[in-house]
Each structure stands twice: as structure tokens, then as C-alpha cells.
Amino acid sequence: MSLTINPEVKAQFPDLEVLISIIENVTVKPVDPRLEAFKEDAVQRVRSIYDIESLKDKPTLRAYRDFFWAIKVDPTKNRPAAEALIRRVVGGKPLPRINTLVDAYNLASIETEIAIAAFDADKLRGNLTMRYAEKDEEFLGIGMKEPLSLQGGEIIISDEEKMVAIYPYRDAEETKVTEATRNVLLLFCGVPGISRDHLYEATKVASEFIARFCNGKIKS
């Protein structure tokens, strides 16, 4: 399975890179005491490193904010994923508990400051494409009760049948990771200003955390 960036998107954002990783035979649980303990250690580390006032000026987090403004998304209302998680922790709130796989890659996102998306690979059809949305295309995001009608021009990820994400901040309900997921595709969401090496480091950290708490074998 591969991801192709549409030439129109590449022309506007020539430095944008995205990496994908497939992990097979994962075991997803609602909760794992080992992971909860690991979360607590991560929370303490984050609170010792970051200050909420200067958070937005960290180079990686600033790159995401600048990209959000470029695609006409207000990052103060729809915060980039890693910043939202770090800000939550620094503000004294607990990390969300979804399931062990989502929680594991959220920790990797915090650790690396890279936005990570995950999809149930068995619900994807064919290869992925990053492209601009057409006006009135509909998208049902995780937790949404009704589909969203897009304005057109949003950057999206689609497989050969359907839209699976609005890039890089909202994933589709249909392909979300659940306790029934056995094979997962991870998307490491780059933006201009973030190097391929940084994305590759995020793939290693996420794979390590998922292997530790969800087992699984890296396919690619």
C-alpha cells in the first residue's frame, strides 16, 4: 500500500512529505495497566519540558501552525494533534484513553511532536492519495453524528473508494482503529519545515510503543 501526493498539492507545498507504516497482527485492548503507568511517566516528563506560554513557538509545532494557516484552518480552534496533546498535559489534564493502540501512538506523537493518524488497514481499499477536495464532498469524521459537506479545496486523504481523512487533523469514522482492528496503517503527517528524518524518527518511536503494548509486526 502506498500514498501518492497529487501534483496540485505538491506544486503548492513542494516540501511536504508523508510517511506510512503498516503493522500487522496487533492486539488492541481497551486498557493496559502497563501503558497507564507509562503514560504517567510521559506526563511528568512533558510537564518538566514544556511551558504553555511558549509552546506554540517550538519549531515543529510552529511548522504545523503555519501550515494550518496556509490551508485556511485556524490552529487556535483546531489545534495540531501533537500540540493539542502536549497542551492538554501541560494544562493539568489527563491524557485521553481511547484504546491501547491509539493511546500508544498518541504518546509517540507527544514524544516526537509529529502528528500521527491511524487507520484499520483492512477497511482501506487500494492505495491512498492526497488531493484537494471537491465542493460538496461529504466526510464523516470520528465521533461526528452527521457528515460534513466540504467547501472544496481542503487537503484530504482518500483510498480508491472513499475519503479517510481531512489532512492533517481529522480521521474518518469508517476506518478508525478499534478493539477489532488487527492490521493498522499509520500515517506520519509532515508539513513544510519538517524533515523526512524527523518523520522517520516518529515511525520508529510509534512502532516501538505499539509493539510494546499491542504486539504486532512491522510489515513496511
N, C-alpha and C. Protein backbone atom coordinates (compact mmCIF):
# COMPACT_ATOMS: atom_id res chain seq x y z
N MET A 1 0.85 -1.19 0.00
CA MET A 1 0.00 0.00 0.00
C MET A 1 0.88 1.24 0.00
N SER A 2 0.53 2.21 -0.81
CA SER A 2 1.34 3.41 -0.92
C SER A 2 0.46 4.65 -0.84
N LEU A 3 1.12 5.81 -0.73
CA LEU A 3 0.41 7.09 -0.75
C LEU A 3 1.04 7.97 -1.81
N THR A 4 0.19 8.53 -2.66
CA THR A 4 0.63 9.44 -3.72
C THR A 4 0.11 10.84 -3.42
N ILE A 5 0.98 11.83 -3.52
CA ILE A 5 0.57 13.22 -3.36
C ILE A 5 0.22 13.78 -4.73
N ASN A 6 -1.01 14.27 -4.88
CA ASN A 6 -1.48 14.84 -6.13
C ASN A 6 -0.55 15.98 -6.56
N PRO A 7 -0.25 16.07 -7.86
CA PRO A 7 0.66 17.12 -8.34
C PRO A 7 0.23 18.53 -7.95
N GLU A 8 -1.08 18.80 -7.88
CA GLU A 8 -1.53 20.13 -7.49
C GLU A 8 -1.14 20.45 -6.06
N VAL A 9 -1.27 19.47 -5.17
CA VAL A 9 -0.86 19.67 -3.77
C VAL A 9 0.65 19.84 -3.70
N LYS A 10 1.37 18.98 -4.44
CA LYS A 10 2.83 19.04 -4.42
C LYS A 10 3.33 20.37 -4.96
N ALA A 11 2.63 20.92 -5.94
CA ALA A 11 3.05 22.21 -6.51
C ALA A 11 2.91 23.33 -5.48
N GLN A 12 1.85 23.27 -4.67
CA GLN A 12 1.66 24.32 -3.66
C GLN A 12 2.57 24.12 -2.46
N PHE A 13 2.82 22.84 -2.12
CA PHE A 13 3.64 22.54 -0.94
C PHE A 13 4.75 21.57 -1.34
N PRO A 14 5.76 22.03 -2.07
CA PRO A 14 6.79 21.12 -2.59
C PRO A 14 7.60 20.42 -1.51
N ASP A 15 7.67 20.99 -0.32
CA ASP A 15 8.47 20.39 0.76
C ASP A 15 7.66 19.47 1.66
N LEU A 16 6.40 19.27 1.35
CA LEU A 16 5.55 18.42 2.19
C LEU A 16 5.87 16.95 1.93
N GLU A 17 6.14 16.22 3.00
CA GLU A 17 6.39 14.79 2.89
C GLU A 17 5.52 14.04 3.89
N VAL A 18 5.16 12.83 3.54
CA VAL A 18 4.34 11.97 4.39
C VAL A 18 4.94 10.57 4.36
N LEU A 19 5.02 9.92 5.52
CA LEU A 19 5.48 8.54 5.58
C LEU A 19 4.33 7.66 6.07
N ILE A 20 4.30 6.42 5.60
CA ILE A 20 3.33 5.47 6.10
C ILE A 20 4.04 4.23 6.61
N SER A 21 3.39 3.56 7.56
CA SER A 21 3.92 2.32 8.12
C SER A 21 2.75 1.38 8.35
N ILE A 22 2.94 0.11 8.04
CA ILE A 22 1.90 -0.89 8.25
C ILE A 22 2.37 -1.87 9.31
N ILE A 23 1.53 -2.09 10.32
CA ILE A 23 1.83 -3.03 11.39
C ILE A 23 0.73 -4.07 11.41
N GLU A 24 1.11 -5.33 11.34
CA GLU A 24 0.15 -6.43 11.25
C GLU A 24 0.02 -7.17 12.57
N ASN A 25 -1.12 -7.82 12.72
CA ASN A 25 -1.38 -8.72 13.85
C ASN A 25 -1.27 -8.03 15.21
N VAL A 26 -1.85 -6.83 15.30
CA VAL A 26 -1.86 -6.13 16.58
C VAL A 26 -2.98 -6.67 17.46
N THR A 27 -2.81 -6.48 18.75
CA THR A 27 -3.86 -6.80 19.72
C THR A 27 -4.25 -5.51 20.42
N VAL A 28 -5.47 -5.07 20.18
CA VAL A 28 -5.93 -3.79 20.73
C VAL A 28 -6.86 -4.05 21.90
N LYS A 29 -6.53 -3.48 23.04
CA LYS A 29 -7.32 -3.65 24.26
C LYS A 29 -7.90 -2.31 24.68
N PRO A 30 -8.94 -2.33 25.50
CA PRO A 30 -9.48 -1.06 25.99
C PRO A 30 -8.51 -0.33 26.92
N VAL A 31 -7.74 -1.11 27.69
CA VAL A 31 -6.80 -0.51 28.64
C VAL A 31 -5.73 -1.53 29.00
N ASP A 32 -4.56 -1.04 29.37
CA ASP A 32 -3.45 -1.90 29.80
C ASP A 32 -2.76 -1.18 30.96
N PRO A 33 -2.69 -1.78 32.14
CA PRO A 33 -2.06 -1.12 33.29
C PRO A 33 -0.62 -0.69 33.01
N ARG A 34 0.10 -1.47 32.21
CA ARG A 34 1.48 -1.10 31.89
C ARG A 34 1.51 0.20 31.09
N LEU A 35 0.57 0.33 30.17
CA LEU A 35 0.51 1.55 29.37
C LEU A 35 0.10 2.74 30.22
N GLU A 36 -0.82 2.53 31.16
CA GLU A 36 -1.24 3.63 32.03
C GLU A 36 -0.07 4.13 32.88
N ALA A 37 0.77 3.21 33.35
CA ALA A 37 1.95 3.61 34.11
C ALA A 37 2.94 4.37 33.22
N PHE A 38 3.08 3.89 31.99
CA PHE A 38 3.96 4.56 31.03
C PHE A 38 3.46 5.96 30.71
N LYS A 39 2.15 6.11 30.63
CA LYS A 39 1.55 7.43 30.41
C LYS A 39 1.92 8.40 31.53
N GLU A 40 1.85 7.91 32.76
CA GLU A 40 2.15 8.78 33.90
C GLU A 40 3.58 9.29 33.83
N ASP A 41 4.51 8.41 33.46
CA ASP A 41 5.90 8.84 33.30
C ASP A 41 6.02 9.90 32.20
N ALA A 42 5.28 9.68 31.10
CA ALA A 42 5.32 10.63 29.99
C ALA A 42 4.75 11.98 30.40
N VAL A 43 3.68 11.96 31.16
CA VAL A 43 3.06 13.20 31.63
C VAL A 43 4.04 14.02 32.47
N GLN A 44 4.73 13.37 33.38
CA GLN A 44 5.69 14.08 34.22
C GLN A 44 6.82 14.67 33.40
N ARG A 45 7.28 13.91 32.40
CA ARG A 45 8.37 14.39 31.55
C ARG A 45 7.93 15.60 30.74
N VAL A 46 6.73 15.53 30.17
CA VAL A 46 6.21 16.64 29.37
C VAL A 46 6.07 17.90 30.21
N ARG A 47 5.55 17.75 31.40
CA ARG A 47 5.36 18.92 32.26
C ARG A 47 6.68 19.54 32.70
N SER A 48 7.75 18.76 32.67
CA SER A 48 9.06 19.29 33.04
C SER A 48 9.77 19.97 31.87
N ILE A 49 9.31 19.68 30.65
CA ILE A 49 9.98 20.19 29.45
C ILE A 49 9.30 21.42 28.88
N TYR A 50 7.95 21.40 28.84
CA TYR A 50 7.21 22.42 28.11
C TYR A 50 6.58 23.46 29.03
N ASP A 51 6.46 24.65 28.49
CA ASP A 51 5.75 25.75 29.14
C ASP A 51 4.60 26.15 28.22
N ILE A 52 3.42 26.29 28.76
CA ILE A 52 2.24 26.50 27.92
C ILE A 52 2.30 27.82 27.15
N GLU A 53 3.00 28.81 27.69
CA GLU A 53 3.06 30.11 27.03
C GLU A 53 3.95 30.08 25.79
N SER A 54 5.02 29.29 25.82
CA SER A 54 5.97 29.26 24.71
C SER A 54 5.77 28.06 23.79
N LEU A 55 4.76 27.25 24.08
CA LEU A 55 4.55 26.01 23.35
C LEU A 55 4.41 26.24 21.85
N LYS A 56 3.64 27.25 21.49
CA LYS A 56 3.36 27.50 20.07
C LYS A 56 4.60 27.91 19.29
N ASP A 57 5.66 28.29 19.97
CA ASP A 57 6.86 28.75 19.30
C ASP A 57 7.92 27.67 19.11
N LYS A 58 7.63 26.45 19.59
CA LYS A 58 8.54 25.34 19.31
C LYS A 58 8.59 25.13 17.80
N PRO A 59 9.78 24.96 17.21
CA PRO A 59 9.88 24.94 15.73
C PRO A 59 8.95 23.94 15.05
N THR A 60 8.86 22.71 15.55
CA THR A 60 8.00 21.72 14.91
C THR A 60 6.54 22.11 15.03
N LEU A 61 6.13 22.52 16.22
CA LEU A 61 4.73 22.90 16.43
C LEU A 61 4.39 24.16 15.65
N ARG A 62 5.35 25.07 15.52
CA ARG A 62 5.14 26.27 14.71
C ARG A 62 4.96 25.90 13.24
N ALA A 63 5.68 24.89 12.76
CA ALA A 63 5.54 24.46 11.36
C ALA A 63 4.12 23.98 11.09
N TYR A 64 3.56 23.22 12.03
CA TYR A 64 2.17 22.78 11.86
C TYR A 64 1.22 23.96 11.88
N ARG A 65 1.42 24.89 12.79
CA ARG A 65 0.53 26.06 12.85
C ARG A 65 0.59 26.84 11.55
N ASP A 66 1.79 27.06 11.03
CA ASP A 66 1.93 27.81 9.78
C ASP A 66 1.22 27.09 8.63
N PHE A 67 1.31 25.77 8.61
CA PHE A 67 0.63 25.00 7.57
C PHE A 67 -0.88 25.13 7.71
N PHE A 68 -1.37 25.06 8.94
CA PHE A 68 -2.81 25.21 9.17
C PHE A 68 -3.31 26.55 8.63
N TRP A 69 -2.57 27.63 8.92
CA TRP A 69 -2.98 28.93 8.40
C TRP A 69 -2.98 28.91 6.87
N ALA A 70 -1.98 28.24 6.28
CA ALA A 70 -1.87 28.20 4.82
C ALA A 70 -3.05 27.48 4.17
N ILE A 71 -3.62 26.50 4.88
CA ILE A 71 -4.77 25.76 4.33
C ILE A 71 -6.09 26.29 4.89
N LYS A 72 -6.02 27.46 5.50
CA LYS A 72 -7.21 28.18 5.99
C LYS A 72 -7.93 27.45 7.12
N VAL A 73 -7.12 26.86 8.01
CA VAL A 73 -7.63 26.26 9.24
C VAL A 73 -7.01 27.02 10.40
N ASP A 74 -7.84 27.53 11.30
CA ASP A 74 -7.36 28.31 12.43
C ASP A 74 -6.79 27.36 13.49
N PRO A 75 -5.45 27.37 13.71
CA PRO A 75 -4.85 26.44 14.66
C PRO A 75 -5.14 26.76 16.12
N THR A 76 -5.77 27.90 16.38
CA THR A 76 -6.18 28.18 17.75
C THR A 76 -7.54 27.57 18.06
N LYS A 77 -8.25 27.14 17.01
CA LYS A 77 -9.55 26.50 17.18
C LYS A 77 -9.47 25.01 16.89
N ASN A 78 -8.74 24.63 15.85
CA ASN A 78 -8.46 23.24 15.54
C ASN A 78 -6.95 23.04 15.69
N ARG A 79 -6.54 22.69 16.88
CA ARG A 79 -5.11 22.64 17.16
C ARG A 79 -4.45 21.43 16.50
N PRO A 80 -3.22 21.61 16.01
CA PRO A 80 -2.47 20.46 15.51
C PRO A 80 -2.38 19.38 16.59
N ALA A 81 -2.39 18.12 16.14
CA ALA A 81 -2.57 16.99 17.07
C ALA A 81 -1.54 16.96 18.19
N ALA A 82 -0.27 17.04 17.86
CA ALA A 82 0.75 16.94 18.89
C ALA A 82 0.65 18.11 19.88
N GLU A 83 0.44 19.30 19.35
CA GLU A 83 0.31 20.46 20.23
C GLU A 83 -0.89 20.32 21.15
N ALA A 84 -2.01 19.82 20.62
CA ALA A 84 -3.22 19.66 21.44
C ALA A 84 -2.96 18.70 22.59
N LEU A 85 -2.26 17.60 22.32
CA LEU A 85 -1.96 16.63 23.37
C LEU A 85 -1.01 17.20 24.42
N ILE A 86 0.04 17.86 23.95
CA ILE A 86 1.02 18.44 24.88
C ILE A 86 0.37 19.55 25.71
N ARG A 87 -0.42 20.38 25.05
CA ARG A 87 -1.10 21.47 25.75
C ARG A 87 -2.04 20.91 26.83
N ARG A 88 -2.71 19.82 26.51
CA ARG A 88 -3.61 19.18 27.47
C ARG A 88 -2.85 18.74 28.72
N VAL A 89 -1.71 18.12 28.50
CA VAL A 89 -0.91 17.62 29.63
C VAL A 89 -0.36 18.77 30.46
N VAL A 90 0.23 19.76 29.78
CA VAL A 90 0.82 20.89 30.50
C VAL A 90 -0.25 21.65 31.27
N GLY A 91 -1.48 21.65 30.75
CA GLY A 91 -2.58 22.33 31.43
C GLY A 91 -3.16 21.56 32.59
N GLY A 92 -2.59 20.40 32.90
CA GLY A 92 -3.02 19.64 34.07
C GLY A 92 -4.09 18.60 33.82
N LYS A 93 -4.46 18.38 32.56
CA LYS A 93 -5.48 17.39 32.25
C LYS A 93 -4.84 16.03 31.95
N PRO A 94 -5.56 14.94 32.20
CA PRO A 94 -5.01 13.62 31.88
C PRO A 94 -5.04 13.38 30.37
N LEU A 95 -4.18 12.48 29.91
CA LEU A 95 -4.22 12.08 28.52
C LEU A 95 -5.51 11.31 28.24
N PRO A 96 -6.06 11.45 27.05
CA PRO A 96 -7.29 10.70 26.73
C PRO A 96 -7.02 9.20 26.72
N ARG A 97 -8.04 8.42 27.05
CA ARG A 97 -7.94 6.97 26.98
C ARG A 97 -8.94 6.49 25.93
N ILE A 98 -8.41 6.02 24.80
CA ILE A 98 -9.25 5.54 23.70
C ILE A 98 -9.17 4.02 23.63
N ASN A 99 -8.01 3.53 23.29
CA ASN A 99 -7.68 2.11 23.36
C ASN A 99 -6.16 2.03 23.33
N THR A 100 -5.61 0.85 23.51
CA THR A 100 -4.16 0.77 23.70
C THR A 100 -3.38 1.20 22.46
N LEU A 101 -3.90 0.95 21.27
CA LEU A 101 -3.14 1.34 20.09
C LEU A 101 -3.17 2.85 19.88
N VAL A 102 -4.35 3.44 19.98
CA VAL A 102 -4.45 4.89 19.82
C VAL A 102 -3.66 5.60 20.92
N ASP A 103 -3.77 5.10 22.14
CA ASP A 103 -3.03 5.73 23.24
C ASP A 103 -1.53 5.62 23.02
N ALA A 104 -1.07 4.48 22.46
CA ALA A 104 0.37 4.29 22.23
C ALA A 104 0.88 5.26 21.17
N TYR A 105 0.14 5.42 20.07
CA TYR A 105 0.67 6.34 19.06
C TYR A 105 0.48 7.80 19.47
N ASN A 106 -0.50 8.09 20.33
CA ASN A 106 -0.59 9.44 20.89
C ASN A 106 0.65 9.78 21.70
N LEU A 107 1.14 8.80 22.45
CA LEU A 107 2.37 9.02 23.21
C LEU A 107 3.56 9.26 22.28
N ALA A 108 3.59 8.53 21.16
CA ALA A 108 4.65 8.75 20.18
C ALA A 108 4.55 10.15 19.57
N SER A 109 3.33 10.62 19.36
CA SER A 109 3.12 11.96 18.84
C SER A 109 3.64 13.01 19.82
N ILE A 110 3.37 12.81 21.09
CA ILE A 110 3.88 13.71 22.12
C ILE A 110 5.41 13.69 22.16
N GLU A 111 5.96 12.49 22.09
CA GLU A 111 7.42 12.31 22.19
C GLU A 111 8.15 12.99 21.04
N THR A 112 7.56 12.95 19.84
CA THR A 112 8.26 13.43 18.65
C THR A 112 7.73 14.75 18.10
N GLU A 113 6.57 15.20 18.62
CA GLU A 113 5.89 16.41 18.15
C GLU A 113 5.34 16.26 16.74
N ILE A 114 5.21 15.02 16.26
CA ILE A 114 4.71 14.76 14.91
C ILE A 114 3.25 14.29 14.98
N ALA A 115 2.42 14.83 14.10
CA ALA A 115 1.02 14.39 14.00
C ALA A 115 0.99 13.00 13.37
N ILE A 116 0.28 12.08 14.02
CA ILE A 116 0.18 10.71 13.54
C ILE A 116 -1.31 10.35 13.42
N ALA A 117 -1.66 9.73 12.31
CA ALA A 117 -3.01 9.22 12.11
C ALA A 117 -2.92 7.70 11.96
N ALA A 118 -3.99 7.01 12.30
CA ALA A 118 -4.01 5.54 12.18
C ALA A 118 -5.33 5.09 11.59
N PHE A 119 -5.25 4.07 10.75
CA PHE A 119 -6.43 3.54 10.09
C PHE A 119 -6.43 2.02 10.19
N ASP A 120 -7.62 1.45 10.32
CA ASP A 120 -7.76 0.00 10.23
C ASP A 120 -7.45 -0.39 8.78
N ALA A 121 -6.30 -1.03 8.57
CA ALA A 121 -5.84 -1.30 7.21
C ALA A 121 -6.78 -2.21 6.44
N ASP A 122 -7.52 -3.07 7.14
CA ASP A 122 -8.43 -3.99 6.46
C ASP A 122 -9.68 -3.29 5.93
N LYS A 123 -9.88 -2.04 6.33
CA LYS A 123 -11.03 -1.27 5.83
C LYS A 123 -10.63 -0.29 4.74
N LEU A 124 -9.35 -0.27 4.40
CA LEU A 124 -8.87 0.57 3.30
C LEU A 124 -8.95 -0.22 2.00
N ARG A 125 -9.19 0.49 0.91
CA ARG A 125 -9.31 -0.15 -0.39
C ARG A 125 -8.29 0.45 -1.35
N GLY A 126 -7.28 -0.34 -1.68
CA GLY A 126 -6.27 0.12 -2.62
C GLY A 126 -5.31 1.13 -2.00
N ASN A 127 -4.64 1.86 -2.85
CA ASN A 127 -3.64 2.83 -2.41
C ASN A 127 -4.30 4.16 -1.99
N LEU A 128 -3.52 4.97 -1.28
CA LEU A 128 -4.00 6.25 -0.78
C LEU A 128 -3.53 7.39 -1.68
N THR A 129 -4.33 8.43 -1.72
CA THR A 129 -3.99 9.64 -2.47
C THR A 129 -4.24 10.86 -1.61
N MET A 130 -3.31 11.80 -1.62
CA MET A 130 -3.53 13.11 -1.01
C MET A 130 -3.92 14.05 -2.14
N ARG A 131 -5.07 14.72 -1.98
CA ARG A 131 -5.58 15.58 -3.05
C ARG A 131 -6.42 16.69 -2.44
N TYR A 132 -6.85 17.60 -3.29
CA TYR A 132 -7.78 18.64 -2.86
C TYR A 132 -9.21 18.11 -2.98
N ALA A 133 -10.02 18.42 -1.99
CA ALA A 133 -11.42 18.01 -2.02
C ALA A 133 -12.19 18.81 -3.06
N GLU A 134 -13.22 18.18 -3.59
CA GLU A 134 -14.15 18.88 -4.46
C GLU A 134 -15.32 19.42 -3.62
N LYS A 135 -15.92 20.47 -4.10
CA LYS A 135 -17.02 21.08 -3.35
C LYS A 135 -18.15 20.07 -3.15
N ASP A 136 -18.68 20.06 -1.93
CA ASP A 136 -19.82 19.23 -1.52
C ASP A 136 -19.47 17.74 -1.34
N GLU A 137 -18.19 17.37 -1.42
CA GLU A 137 -17.84 16.02 -0.99
C GLU A 137 -18.18 15.89 0.48
N GLU A 138 -18.65 14.72 0.89
CA GLU A 138 -19.06 14.53 2.28
C GLU A 138 -18.04 13.70 3.04
N PHE A 139 -17.89 14.07 4.31
CA PHE A 139 -16.91 13.41 5.17
C PHE A 139 -17.50 13.20 6.55
N LEU A 140 -17.46 11.96 7.03
CA LEU A 140 -17.93 11.65 8.38
C LEU A 140 -16.71 11.34 9.24
N GLY A 141 -16.36 12.29 10.09
CA GLY A 141 -15.21 12.14 10.97
C GLY A 141 -15.54 11.36 12.22
N ILE A 142 -14.50 10.93 12.91
CA ILE A 142 -14.68 10.17 14.14
C ILE A 142 -15.53 10.97 15.13
N GLY A 143 -16.59 10.34 15.61
CA GLY A 143 -17.45 10.97 16.61
C GLY A 143 -18.51 11.90 16.05
N MET A 144 -18.49 12.14 14.74
CA MET A 144 -19.48 13.03 14.15
C MET A 144 -20.81 12.30 13.95
N LYS A 145 -21.92 12.97 14.20
CA LYS A 145 -23.24 12.37 14.01
C LYS A 145 -23.74 12.50 12.59
N GLU A 146 -23.34 13.58 11.92
CA GLU A 146 -23.76 13.81 10.54
C GLU A 146 -22.54 14.11 9.68
N PRO A 147 -22.58 13.72 8.41
CA PRO A 147 -21.45 14.02 7.53
C PRO A 147 -21.27 15.53 7.35
N LEU A 148 -20.03 15.92 7.15
CA LEU A 148 -19.67 17.30 6.88
C LEU A 148 -19.57 17.49 5.37
N SER A 149 -20.23 18.52 4.86
CA SER A 149 -20.14 18.85 3.44
C SER A 149 -18.97 19.82 3.25
N LEU A 150 -17.97 19.39 2.50
CA LEU A 150 -16.75 20.18 2.37
C LEU A 150 -16.94 21.36 1.42
N GLN A 151 -16.17 22.40 1.67
CA GLN A 151 -16.25 23.61 0.85
C GLN A 151 -15.57 23.44 -0.50
N GLY A 152 -14.62 22.50 -0.54
CA GLY A 152 -13.79 22.33 -1.73
C GLY A 152 -12.45 23.01 -1.50
N GLY A 153 -11.38 22.32 -1.84
CA GLY A 153 -10.05 22.88 -1.65
C GLY A 153 -9.34 22.39 -0.40
N GLU A 154 -10.07 21.71 0.50
CA GLU A 154 -9.41 21.12 1.67
C GLU A 154 -8.46 20.01 1.20
N ILE A 155 -7.36 19.83 1.90
CA ILE A 155 -6.47 18.71 1.59
C ILE A 155 -7.01 17.47 2.28
N ILE A 156 -7.22 16.43 1.50
CA ILE A 156 -7.79 15.21 2.07
C ILE A 156 -6.95 14.00 1.68
N ILE A 157 -7.18 12.91 2.39
CA ILE A 157 -6.61 11.61 2.04
C ILE A 157 -7.77 10.70 1.66
N SER A 158 -7.65 10.04 0.54
CA SER A 158 -8.69 9.10 0.13
C SER A 158 -8.05 7.80 -0.32
N ASP A 159 -8.80 6.70 -0.16
CA ASP A 159 -8.38 5.47 -0.79
C ASP A 159 -9.08 5.39 -2.15
N GLU A 160 -9.19 4.23 -2.75
CA GLU A 160 -9.76 4.14 -4.08
C GLU A 160 -11.29 4.17 -4.09
N GLU A 161 -11.89 4.23 -2.88
CA GLU A 161 -13.35 4.27 -2.80
C GLU A 161 -13.90 5.44 -2.00
N LYS A 162 -13.13 5.95 -1.06
CA LYS A 162 -13.72 6.89 -0.10
C LYS A 162 -12.66 7.80 0.52
N MET A 163 -13.15 8.85 1.15
CA MET A 163 -12.29 9.75 1.90
C MET A 163 -12.02 9.16 3.29
N VAL A 164 -10.76 9.19 3.73
CA VAL A 164 -10.43 8.62 5.03
C VAL A 164 -9.88 9.64 6.02
N ALA A 165 -9.57 10.85 5.55
CA ALA A 165 -9.07 11.88 6.48
C ALA A 165 -9.10 13.24 5.83
N ILE A 166 -9.32 14.26 6.64
CA ILE A 166 -9.01 15.64 6.27
C ILE A 166 -7.63 15.92 6.85
N TYR A 167 -6.68 16.20 5.98
CA TYR A 167 -5.28 16.29 6.37
C TYR A 167 -4.96 17.65 6.98
N PRO A 168 -4.21 17.67 8.09
CA PRO A 168 -3.72 16.53 8.87
C PRO A 168 -4.36 16.47 10.25
N TYR A 169 -5.68 16.64 10.34
CA TYR A 169 -6.23 16.81 11.69
C TYR A 169 -7.53 16.08 11.98
N ARG A 170 -8.14 15.39 11.03
CA ARG A 170 -9.39 14.69 11.35
C ARG A 170 -9.49 13.41 10.51
N ASP A 171 -9.74 12.28 11.19
CA ASP A 171 -9.82 10.98 10.52
C ASP A 171 -11.28 10.51 10.43
N ALA A 172 -11.52 9.58 9.52
CA ALA A 172 -12.88 9.12 9.24
C ALA A 172 -13.34 8.07 10.24
N GLU A 173 -14.62 8.09 10.51
CA GLU A 173 -15.24 7.12 11.42
C GLU A 173 -15.10 5.70 10.86
N GLU A 174 -15.30 5.54 9.59
CA GLU A 174 -15.36 4.20 9.00
C GLU A 174 -14.06 3.41 9.14
N THR A 175 -12.93 4.10 9.13
CA THR A 175 -11.65 3.40 9.13
C THR A 175 -10.88 3.57 10.45
N LYS A 176 -11.55 4.02 11.50
CA LYS A 176 -10.86 4.24 12.76
C LYS A 176 -10.39 2.92 13.39
N VAL A 177 -9.40 3.01 14.26
CA VAL A 177 -8.86 1.85 14.97
C VAL A 177 -9.76 1.51 16.15
N THR A 178 -10.15 0.25 16.24
CA THR A 178 -10.99 -0.24 17.34
C THR A 178 -10.35 -1.49 17.93
N GLU A 179 -11.02 -2.05 18.92
CA GLU A 179 -10.51 -3.29 19.52
C GLU A 179 -10.59 -4.47 18.55
N ALA A 180 -11.34 -4.32 17.48
CA ALA A 180 -11.43 -5.37 16.45
C ALA A 180 -10.32 -5.25 15.41
N THR A 181 -9.58 -4.15 15.42
CA THR A 181 -8.52 -3.93 14.43
C THR A 181 -7.39 -4.95 14.61
N ARG A 182 -6.95 -5.52 13.51
CA ARG A 182 -5.83 -6.47 13.55
C ARG A 182 -4.62 -5.98 12.76
N ASN A 183 -4.87 -5.16 11.76
CA ASN A 183 -3.80 -4.61 10.94
C ASN A 183 -4.01 -3.11 10.83
N VAL A 184 -2.95 -2.36 11.04
CA VAL A 184 -3.10 -0.91 11.13
C VAL A 184 -2.13 -0.22 10.17
N LEU A 185 -2.62 0.84 9.55
CA LEU A 185 -1.76 1.71 8.75
C LEU A 185 -1.59 3.02 9.50
N LEU A 186 -0.35 3.39 9.75
CA LEU A 186 -0.02 4.64 10.41
C LEU A 186 0.42 5.66 9.37
N LEU A 187 -0.06 6.88 9.53
CA LEU A 187 0.29 7.97 8.63
C LEU A 187 1.02 9.03 9.44
N PHE A 188 2.25 9.32 9.05
CA PHE A 188 3.08 10.30 9.76
C PHE A 188 3.02 11.59 8.95
N CYS A 189 2.29 12.54 9.50
CA CYS A 189 1.85 13.71 8.75
C CYS A 189 2.91 14.81 8.76
N GLY A 190 3.60 14.94 7.66
CA GLY A 190 4.56 16.01 7.54
C GLY A 190 3.93 17.29 7.02
N VAL A 191 4.62 18.39 7.25
CA VAL A 191 4.25 19.69 6.70
C VAL A 191 5.56 20.37 6.31
N PRO A 192 5.50 21.43 5.48
CA PRO A 192 6.73 22.15 5.16
C PRO A 192 7.47 22.58 6.43
N GLY A 193 8.78 22.36 6.44
CA GLY A 193 9.57 22.71 7.61
C GLY A 193 9.90 21.53 8.50
N ILE A 194 9.30 20.38 8.23
CA ILE A 194 9.60 19.16 8.99
C ILE A 194 10.30 18.18 8.07
N SER A 195 11.47 17.73 8.48
CA SER A 195 12.31 16.91 7.62
C SER A 195 11.84 15.46 7.56
N ARG A 196 12.26 14.77 6.51
CA ARG A 196 11.99 13.34 6.39
C ARG A 196 12.61 12.58 7.56
N ASP A 197 13.80 13.00 8.01
CA ASP A 197 14.45 12.33 9.13
C ASP A 197 13.60 12.41 10.40
N HIS A 198 12.99 13.57 10.61
CA HIS A 198 12.12 13.74 11.78
C HIS A 198 10.92 12.81 11.69
N LEU A 199 10.32 12.72 10.49
CA LEU A 199 9.20 11.81 10.30
C LEU A 199 9.63 10.36 10.51
N TYR A 200 10.81 10.02 10.01
CA TYR A 200 11.29 8.65 10.14
C TYR A 200 11.52 8.30 11.61
N GLU A 201 12.02 9.25 12.38
CA GLU A 201 12.20 9.02 13.82
C GLU A 201 10.85 8.74 14.47
N ALA A 202 9.82 9.45 14.05
CA ALA A 202 8.48 9.22 14.60
C ALA A 202 7.98 7.83 14.27
N THR A 203 8.31 7.32 13.07
CA THR A 203 7.89 5.95 12.73
C THR A 203 8.53 4.94 13.67
N LYS A 204 9.77 5.18 14.03
CA LYS A 204 10.47 4.25 14.93
C LYS A 204 9.88 4.29 16.33
N VAL A 205 9.62 5.49 16.83
CA VAL A 205 9.07 5.63 18.18
C VAL A 205 7.68 5.01 18.25
N ALA A 206 6.83 5.32 17.26
CA ALA A 206 5.46 4.77 17.27
C ALA A 206 5.48 3.25 17.16
N SER A 207 6.33 2.72 16.30
CA SER A 207 6.42 1.26 16.14
C SER A 207 6.88 0.60 17.44
N GLU A 208 7.82 1.23 18.12
CA GLU A 208 8.31 0.68 19.39
C GLU A 208 7.20 0.66 20.43
N PHE A 209 6.46 1.75 20.55
CA PHE A 209 5.39 1.83 21.56
C PHE A 209 4.27 0.84 21.24
N ILE A 210 3.90 0.74 19.97
CA ILE A 210 2.82 -0.18 19.59
C ILE A 210 3.25 -1.62 19.81
N ALA A 211 4.48 -1.96 19.45
CA ALA A 211 4.97 -3.31 19.67
C ALA A 211 4.98 -3.65 21.17
N ARG A 212 5.31 -2.67 21.99
CA ARG A 212 5.41 -2.92 23.43
C ARG A 212 4.04 -3.20 24.05
N PHE A 213 3.02 -2.47 23.59
CA PHE A 213 1.72 -2.56 24.26
C PHE A 213 0.63 -3.24 23.42
N CYS A 214 0.89 -3.46 22.14
CA CYS A 214 -0.13 -4.08 21.26
C CYS A 214 0.45 -5.21 20.44
N ASN A 215 1.69 -5.58 20.69
CA ASN A 215 2.36 -6.60 19.91
C ASN A 215 2.41 -6.15 18.45
N GLY A 216 2.20 -7.05 17.53
CA GLY A 216 2.22 -6.65 16.12
C GLY A 216 3.59 -6.77 15.50
N LYS A 217 3.61 -6.87 14.20
CA LYS A 217 4.84 -6.98 13.44
C LYS A 217 4.83 -5.95 12.33
N ILE A 218 5.92 -5.21 12.20
CA ILE A 218 6.02 -4.19 11.16
C ILE A 218 6.16 -4.87 9.81
N LYS A 219 5.23 -4.54 8.91
CA LYS A 219 5.29 -5.08 7.56
C LYS A 219 6.12 -4.18 6.66
N SER A 220 5.91 -2.89 6.77
CA SER A 220 6.64 -1.95 5.90
C SER A 220 6.66 -0.58 6.55
